């Protein structure tokens, strides 16, 4: 289970471009949204499924990072000693991304920068969150369901967490499923403006936020999605009412994953989702 970076020269080039062009500074300058594109014409790519090797207790949709696909993560997740989990690894639509000057690549939503004042692609976020919810909607009623992801996939997972708490998407349409766990690796929280007031404006939203377990992991050496943005996202979620949140940090870890991080994910999922009857709170 080695590091998970790009598995092709194309994805490696996208990672380098991501690093060179991204100026992610909360409260910093806002990038023009003139090159942003509607999600209406985009189609999601191939979905890869890793079947549980033991009794099926949990299904988790896992979302890849920008420029990647569901296949690379399905290969890694298949090696994890979590026999009770079914993993669904979809592939994002190929779309122009403002960050790359409109260059098309697989992305869950459009992004220009991560400043709190920057524009959020609510249409893209809602479309991806709805795709995830649809993938989980056919799971049996006795199966716990969750969402996880890496980088932009983690951002989409955290957005799904806020939709679950609020009971609706950003466009106001009802969010149809109840999530049992959220995992975000090397990511950030999109659309955080006014989140606190929205959550606190509903007793039901506050209850759902407080009950939803979240695990956020971030490397202190991440030079793509800088550590301070993962830390800030965890802080915003905690102060917003997501009280069941664990934030793990890794000295020297860059924008990839390592065996220790995945072992922490395994242990957290096992305890929080009572896999094999094991529960710790």
Protein backbone atom coordinates (compact mmCIF):
# COMPACT_ATOMS: atom_id res chain seq x y z
CA UNK A 1 0.00 0.00 0.00
CA UNK A 2 2.32 2.72 -1.19
CA UNK A 3 1.75 6.39 -1.71
CA UNK A 4 -1.15 7.32 -3.94
CA UNK A 5 -0.08 9.96 -6.42
CA UNK A 6 -0.94 10.13 -10.10
CA UNK A 7 -0.69 6.78 -11.88
CA UNK A 8 -0.10 8.24 -15.34
CA UNK A 9 1.94 11.08 -16.82
CA UNK A 10 -1.27 12.97 -17.61
CA UNK A 11 -2.43 12.94 -14.00
CA UNK A 12 1.09 13.77 -12.79
CA UNK A 13 1.15 16.81 -15.06
CA UNK A 14 -2.22 17.88 -13.66
CA UNK A 15 -0.89 17.55 -10.11
CA UNK A 16 2.11 19.72 -11.01
CA UNK A 17 -0.16 22.25 -12.70
CA UNK A 18 -2.39 22.21 -9.62
CA UNK A 19 0.64 22.97 -7.44
CA UNK A 20 1.96 25.73 -9.69
CA UNK A 21 -1.30 27.60 -10.20
CA UNK A 22 -3.26 27.18 -6.98
CA UNK A 23 -3.12 30.12 -4.56
CA UNK A 24 -5.35 28.85 -1.78
CA UNK A 25 -5.51 31.48 0.92
CA UNK A 26 -8.62 31.73 3.10
CA UNK A 27 -9.67 35.37 2.99
CA UNK A 28 -7.24 36.01 0.12
CA UNK A 29 -7.80 37.43 -3.37
CA UNK A 30 -10.67 36.08 -5.43
CA UNK A 31 -10.08 34.58 -8.86
CA UNK A 32 -12.37 35.65 -11.64
CA UNK A 33 -15.17 33.19 -12.37
CA UNK A 34 -15.40 34.18 -16.01
CA UNK A 35 -14.10 30.82 -17.23
CA UNK A 36 -16.49 28.78 -15.08
CA UNK A 37 -18.72 26.43 -17.03
CA UNK A 38 -22.12 24.95 -16.40
CA UNK A 39 -22.23 21.33 -15.34
CA UNK A 40 -25.32 20.65 -17.44
CA UNK A 41 -23.48 18.96 -20.34
CA UNK A 42 -21.17 16.74 -18.29
CA UNK A 43 -21.53 13.02 -17.69
CA UNK A 44 -19.97 11.00 -14.90
CA UNK A 45 -17.40 8.41 -15.85
CA UNK A 46 -17.06 4.74 -15.02
CA UNK A 47 -17.87 3.49 -11.52
CA UNK A 48 -15.68 0.78 -9.96
CA UNK A 49 -17.02 -1.41 -7.14
CA UNK A 50 -15.00 -3.34 -4.56
CA UNK A 51 -17.22 -6.07 -3.11
CA UNK A 52 -16.99 -6.94 0.59
CA UNK A 53 -15.01 -10.08 1.34
CA UNK A 54 -17.00 -10.75 4.53
CA UNK A 55 -20.45 -9.89 5.83
CA UNK A 56 -21.67 -6.69 4.18
CA UNK A 57 -22.22 -4.07 6.89
CA UNK A 58 -21.23 -0.76 5.30
CA UNK A 59 -21.12 0.86 1.86
CA UNK A 60 -18.85 3.85 1.27
CA UNK A 61 -18.60 5.95 -1.88
CA UNK A 62 -14.96 7.02 -2.28
CA UNK A 63 -14.13 10.03 -4.46
CA UNK A 64 -10.83 10.57 -6.23
CA UNK A 65 -8.86 13.79 -6.63
CA UNK A 66 -8.72 16.14 -9.60
CA UNK A 67 -7.46 14.55 -12.81
CA UNK A 68 -7.73 11.01 -11.42
CA UNK A 69 -10.38 8.29 -11.78
CA UNK A 70 -12.21 5.73 -9.68
CA UNK A 71 -10.01 2.83 -10.76
CA UNK A 72 -6.85 3.95 -8.97
CA UNK A 73 -8.56 4.26 -5.60
CA UNK A 74 -10.53 1.03 -6.01
CA UNK A 75 -7.21 -0.80 -6.37
CA UNK A 76 -5.90 0.69 -3.12
CA UNK A 77 -9.12 0.22 -1.16
CA UNK A 78 -9.28 -3.44 -2.19
CA UNK A 79 -6.05 -4.01 -0.24
CA UNK A 80 -7.42 -2.61 3.03
CA UNK A 81 -8.30 -5.21 5.70
CA UNK A 82 -11.91 -4.03 5.90
CA UNK A 83 -13.86 -7.10 4.74
CA UNK A 84 -17.26 -5.74 5.81
CA UNK A 85 -17.17 -2.65 3.59
CA UNK A 86 -18.36 -2.35 0.02
CA UNK A 87 -16.52 0.46 -1.77
CA UNK A 88 -18.06 2.36 -4.68
CA UNK A 89 -15.50 4.41 -6.61
CA UNK A 90 -17.10 6.62 -9.27
CA UNK A 91 -15.25 8.74 -11.80
CA UNK A 92 -15.90 12.46 -12.02
CA UNK A 93 -17.05 14.17 -15.23
CA UNK A 94 -14.42 15.59 -17.56
CA UNK A 95 -14.97 19.33 -17.50
CA UNK A 96 -13.13 22.62 -18.04
CA UNK A 97 -11.56 23.79 -14.76
CA UNK A 98 -11.07 27.51 -14.13
CA UNK A 99 -7.93 26.77 -12.10
CA UNK A 100 -6.29 25.43 -15.26
CA UNK A 101 -7.54 28.23 -17.51
CA UNK A 102 -10.40 26.09 -18.78
CA UNK A 103 -8.31 23.00 -19.49
CA UNK A 104 -10.60 19.93 -19.23
CA UNK A 105 -9.91 17.16 -16.72
CA UNK A 106 -11.87 14.92 -14.38
CA UNK A 107 -13.22 17.10 -11.57
CA UNK A 108 -16.18 16.90 -9.20
CA UNK A 109 -16.79 20.64 -9.53
CA UNK A 110 -15.16 23.73 -10.97
CA UNK A 111 -12.61 25.50 -8.80
CA UNK A 112 -10.65 28.70 -9.10
CA UNK A 113 -9.31 29.24 -5.59
CA UNK A 114 -10.23 28.33 -2.03
CA UNK A 115 -10.58 31.78 -0.51
CA UNK A 116 -13.66 32.22 1.65
CA UNK A 117 -14.67 35.11 -0.61
CA UNK A 118 -14.09 33.16 -3.82
CA UNK A 119 -16.94 31.83 -5.97
CA UNK A 120 -18.32 28.37 -5.24
CA UNK A 121 -19.55 26.12 -8.04
CA UNK A 122 -22.78 25.20 -6.27
CA UNK A 123 -24.21 23.63 -9.41
CA UNK A 124 -21.20 21.34 -9.75
CA UNK A 125 -21.09 20.53 -6.04
CA UNK A 126 -24.80 19.72 -5.99
CA UNK A 127 -24.52 17.54 -9.10
CA UNK A 128 -21.66 15.50 -7.61
CA UNK A 129 -23.29 15.26 -4.17
CA UNK A 130 -26.50 14.09 -5.85
CA UNK A 131 -24.58 11.51 -7.89
CA UNK A 132 -23.07 10.15 -4.66
CA UNK A 133 -26.47 10.08 -2.95
CA UNK A 134 -27.95 8.25 -5.94
CA UNK A 135 -25.21 5.60 -5.79
CA UNK A 136 -26.01 5.01 -2.12
CA UNK A 137 -29.79 5.20 -2.43
CA UNK A 138 -30.20 1.58 -3.56
CA UNK A 139 -28.23 0.05 -0.67
CA UNK A 140 -30.25 -2.17 1.70
CA UNK A 141 -31.88 -0.41 4.65
CA UNK A 142 -29.76 -2.28 7.21
CA UNK A 143 -26.47 -1.19 5.61
CA UNK A 144 -24.70 1.88 6.97
CA UNK A 145 -23.59 4.32 4.31
CA UNK A 146 -20.81 6.91 4.10
CA UNK A 147 -18.73 9.10 1.82
CA UNK A 148 -14.97 9.56 1.69
CA UNK A 149 -12.42 11.04 -0.63
CA UNK A 150 -9.01 12.48 -1.37
CA UNK A 151 -8.27 16.14 -2.20
CA UNK A 152 -11.18 17.41 -4.35
CA UNK A 153 -12.94 14.15 -3.54
CA UNK A 154 -12.57 14.98 0.15
CA UNK A 155 -14.01 18.43 -0.50
CA UNK A 156 -17.04 16.81 -2.15
CA UNK A 157 -17.41 14.41 0.77
CA UNK A 158 -17.38 17.32 3.24
CA UNK A 159 -19.92 19.17 1.13
CA UNK A 160 -22.11 16.05 1.26
CA UNK A 161 -21.77 16.14 5.05
CA UNK A 162 -23.13 19.69 5.17
CA UNK A 163 -25.98 18.75 2.82
CA UNK A 164 -26.83 15.80 5.06
CA UNK A 165 -26.89 18.03 8.16
CA UNK A 166 -28.98 20.72 6.50
CA UNK A 167 -31.27 18.16 4.86
CA UNK A 168 -30.92 19.86 1.49
CA UNK A 169 -28.53 20.66 -1.31
CA UNK A 170 -27.23 24.14 -1.99
CA UNK A 171 -30.04 24.66 -4.49
CA UNK A 172 -32.64 23.90 -1.82
CA UNK A 173 -33.69 20.47 -3.06
CA UNK A 174 -34.05 17.82 -0.31
CA UNK A 175 -31.01 15.69 0.49
CA UNK A 176 -32.41 12.14 0.42
CA UNK A 177 -30.09 9.94 2.54
CA UNK A 178 -28.72 9.70 6.07
CA UNK A 179 -24.95 9.32 6.18
CA UNK A 180 -23.17 7.35 8.92
CA UNK A 181 -19.56 8.45 8.31
CA UNK A 182 -17.45 10.97 6.39
CA UNK A 183 -13.72 10.65 5.64
CA UNK A 184 -11.66 13.42 4.05
CA UNK A 185 -7.95 13.09 3.20
CA UNK A 186 -5.91 16.14 2.14
CA UNK A 187 -9.03 18.15 1.35
CA UNK A 188 -10.93 21.30 2.23
CA UNK A 189 -14.46 22.49 2.99
CA UNK A 190 -16.16 24.25 0.05
CA UNK A 191 -19.10 26.63 0.40
CA UNK A 192 -18.39 27.43 4.06
CA UNK A 193 -19.86 30.93 3.97
CA UNK A 194 -22.88 31.29 6.27
CA UNK A 195 -22.74 27.57 7.12
CA UNK A 196 -22.79 28.25 10.85
CA UNK A 197 -25.92 30.40 10.69
CA UNK A 198 -27.65 27.85 8.44
CA UNK A 199 -26.93 24.97 10.82
CA UNK A 200 -27.83 26.96 13.94
CA UNK A 201 -31.08 28.06 12.31
CA UNK A 202 -32.49 24.53 12.53
CA UNK A 203 -32.65 22.25 15.57
CA UNK A 204 -32.79 19.24 13.29
CA UNK A 205 -29.70 20.41 11.37
CA UNK A 206 -27.83 20.92 14.65
CA UNK A 207 -28.80 17.41 15.78
CA UNK A 208 -27.70 15.80 12.52
CA UNK A 209 -24.41 17.74 12.48
CA UNK A 210 -23.62 16.74 16.06
CA UNK A 211 -24.30 13.05 15.37
CA UNK A 212 -22.39 12.63 12.10
CA UNK A 213 -18.87 11.19 12.62
CA UNK A 214 -16.15 12.85 10.51
CA UNK A 215 -12.48 11.94 10.10
CA UNK A 216 -10.20 14.53 8.50
CA UNK A 217 -6.54 13.74 7.80
CA UNK A 218 -3.94 16.15 6.47
CA UNK A 219 -0.19 16.16 5.95
CA UNK A 220 1.78 19.11 7.30
CA UNK A 221 4.02 18.93 4.23
CA UNK A 222 1.15 19.19 1.73
CA UNK A 223 2.17 21.77 -0.87
CA UNK A 224 -0.93 21.31 -3.06
CA UNK A 225 -3.79 21.69 -0.58
CA UNK A 226 -1.80 23.32 2.19
CA UNK A 227 -2.14 22.06 5.75
CA UNK A 228 -3.56 25.36 6.97
CA UNK A 229 -6.62 24.85 4.75
CA UNK A 230 -7.33 21.41 6.14
CA UNK A 231 -6.88 22.79 9.65
CA UNK A 232 -9.18 25.74 8.91
CA UNK A 233 -11.83 23.43 7.47
CA UNK A 234 -11.76 21.25 10.59
CA UNK A 235 -12.08 24.36 12.74
CA UNK A 236 -15.06 25.66 10.75
CA UNK A 237 -16.84 22.32 10.92
CA UNK A 238 -16.22 21.96 14.65
CA UNK A 239 -17.47 25.45 15.48
CA UNK A 240 -20.44 24.94 13.15
CA UNK A 241 -21.70 22.03 15.22
CA UNK A 242 -19.98 18.94 13.83
CA UNK A 243 -18.88 17.83 17.28
CA UNK A 244 -18.08 14.24 16.36
CA UNK A 245 -15.00 15.24 14.35
CA UNK A 246 -11.49 13.78 14.49
CA UNK A 247 -8.61 15.70 12.87
CA UNK A 248 -5.38 13.76 12.38
CA UNK A 249 -2.14 15.32 11.16
CA UNK A 250 1.04 13.81 9.73
CA UNK A 251 4.43 15.52 9.89
CA UNK A 252 6.19 15.65 6.54
CA UNK A 253 3.30 14.09 4.59
CA UNK A 254 2.71 15.72 1.22
CA UNK A 255 -0.27 15.49 -1.13
CA UNK A 256 -0.54 11.73 -1.11
CA UNK A 257 -1.42 8.99 1.34
CA UNK A 258 0.80 6.63 3.33
CA UNK A 259 0.17 3.29 5.06
CA UNK A 260 -0.06 4.89 8.52
CA UNK A 261 -2.82 7.23 7.36
CA UNK A 262 -4.79 4.39 5.78
CA UNK A 263 -4.34 2.33 8.95
CA UNK A 264 -5.83 5.24 10.92
CA UNK A 265 -8.75 5.31 8.47
CA UNK A 266 -9.23 1.57 8.92
CA UNK A 267 -9.20 1.78 12.71
CA UNK A 268 -11.55 4.78 12.77
CA UNK A 269 -14.08 3.16 10.44
CA UNK A 270 -13.93 -0.11 12.39
CA UNK A 271 -14.70 1.60 15.69
CA UNK A 272 -17.18 4.23 14.51
CA UNK A 273 -19.23 1.90 12.34
CA UNK A 274 -19.11 -1.07 14.74
CA UNK A 275 -17.56 -3.36 12.16
CA UNK A 276 -17.51 -6.96 13.35
CA UNK A 277 -19.43 -5.81 16.42
CA UNK A 278 -16.59 -3.60 17.67
CA UNK A 279 -17.74 -0.21 18.98
CA UNK A 280 -15.76 2.50 20.77
CA UNK A 281 -16.94 6.07 21.28
